Amino acid sequence: MRKELYSMKCPGRIVFGDPLYFEDYKGERLADLVVTLSLQQILVQGFLWRKRN
């Protein structure tokens, strides 16, 4: 098996939600249904989770 390396830019934010929400809703209603986190928020939450466990 050969080793493959991929690189990509670090995302500025990540949006979590049901994929159907993105097709069925727009604007303010979509914002109420999904969670948008910046990379800094994700890193802090991951650090706090590891520290507790």
Protein backbone atom coordinates (compact mmCIF):
# COMPACT_ATOMS: atom_id res chain seq x y z
CA MET A 1 0.00 0.00 0.00
CA ARG A 2 1.43 3.39 -0.88
CA LYS A 3 1.29 6.34 1.45
CA GLU A 4 -0.63 9.38 0.23
CA LEU A 5 -0.46 12.82 1.78
CA TYR A 6 -3.14 15.46 1.37
CA SER A 7 -3.16 19.05 2.47
CA MET A 8 -5.91 21.62 2.71
CA LYS A 9 -6.45 25.04 4.19
CA CYS A 10 -7.68 25.16 7.76
CA PRO A 11 -11.37 26.12 7.77
CA GLY A 12 -12.34 29.38 9.43
CA ARG A 13 -15.53 27.82 10.78
CA ILE A 14 -17.38 24.52 10.82
CA VAL A 15 -21.17 24.19 10.63
CA PHE A 16 -22.94 21.25 12.31
CA GLY A 17 -26.49 20.23 11.51
CA ASP A 18 -28.69 17.73 9.73
CA PRO A 19 -27.83 17.73 5.99
CA LEU A 20 -31.52 18.09 5.11
CA TYR A 21 -31.63 21.42 6.97
CA PHE A 22 -29.26 22.90 4.41
CA GLU A 23 -31.57 21.87 1.57
CA ASP A 24 -34.93 22.74 3.17
CA TYR A 25 -34.20 25.94 5.13
CA LYS A 26 -32.50 29.25 4.40
CA GLY A 27 -31.57 32.38 6.28
CA GLU A 28 -32.63 32.97 9.85
CA ARG A 29 -34.49 29.65 10.21
CA LEU A 30 -31.37 27.73 9.15
CA ALA A 31 -29.29 29.70 11.66
CA ASP A 32 -31.68 28.56 14.43
CA LEU A 33 -31.26 24.87 13.46
CA VAL A 34 -27.49 24.58 13.03
CA VAL A 35 -24.42 25.31 15.15
CA THR A 36 -21.52 27.31 13.72
CA LEU A 37 -18.20 27.10 15.53
CA SER A 38 -14.93 28.83 14.84
CA LEU A 39 -11.72 26.82 14.95
CA GLN A 40 -10.75 28.53 18.21
CA GLN A 41 -14.03 27.42 19.86
CA ILE A 42 -13.47 23.83 18.71
CA LEU A 43 -9.91 23.75 20.05
CA VAL A 44 -10.95 25.17 23.43
CA GLN A 45 -13.85 22.70 23.75
CA GLY A 46 -11.57 19.78 22.81
CA PHE A 47 -9.01 20.89 25.36
CA LEU A 48 -11.63 21.18 28.12
CA TRP A 49 -13.08 17.75 27.23
CA ARG A 50 -9.65 16.08 27.42
CA LYS A 51 -8.87 17.83 30.68
CA ARG A 52 -12.08 16.50 32.30
CA ASN A 53 -11.56 12.93 31.09
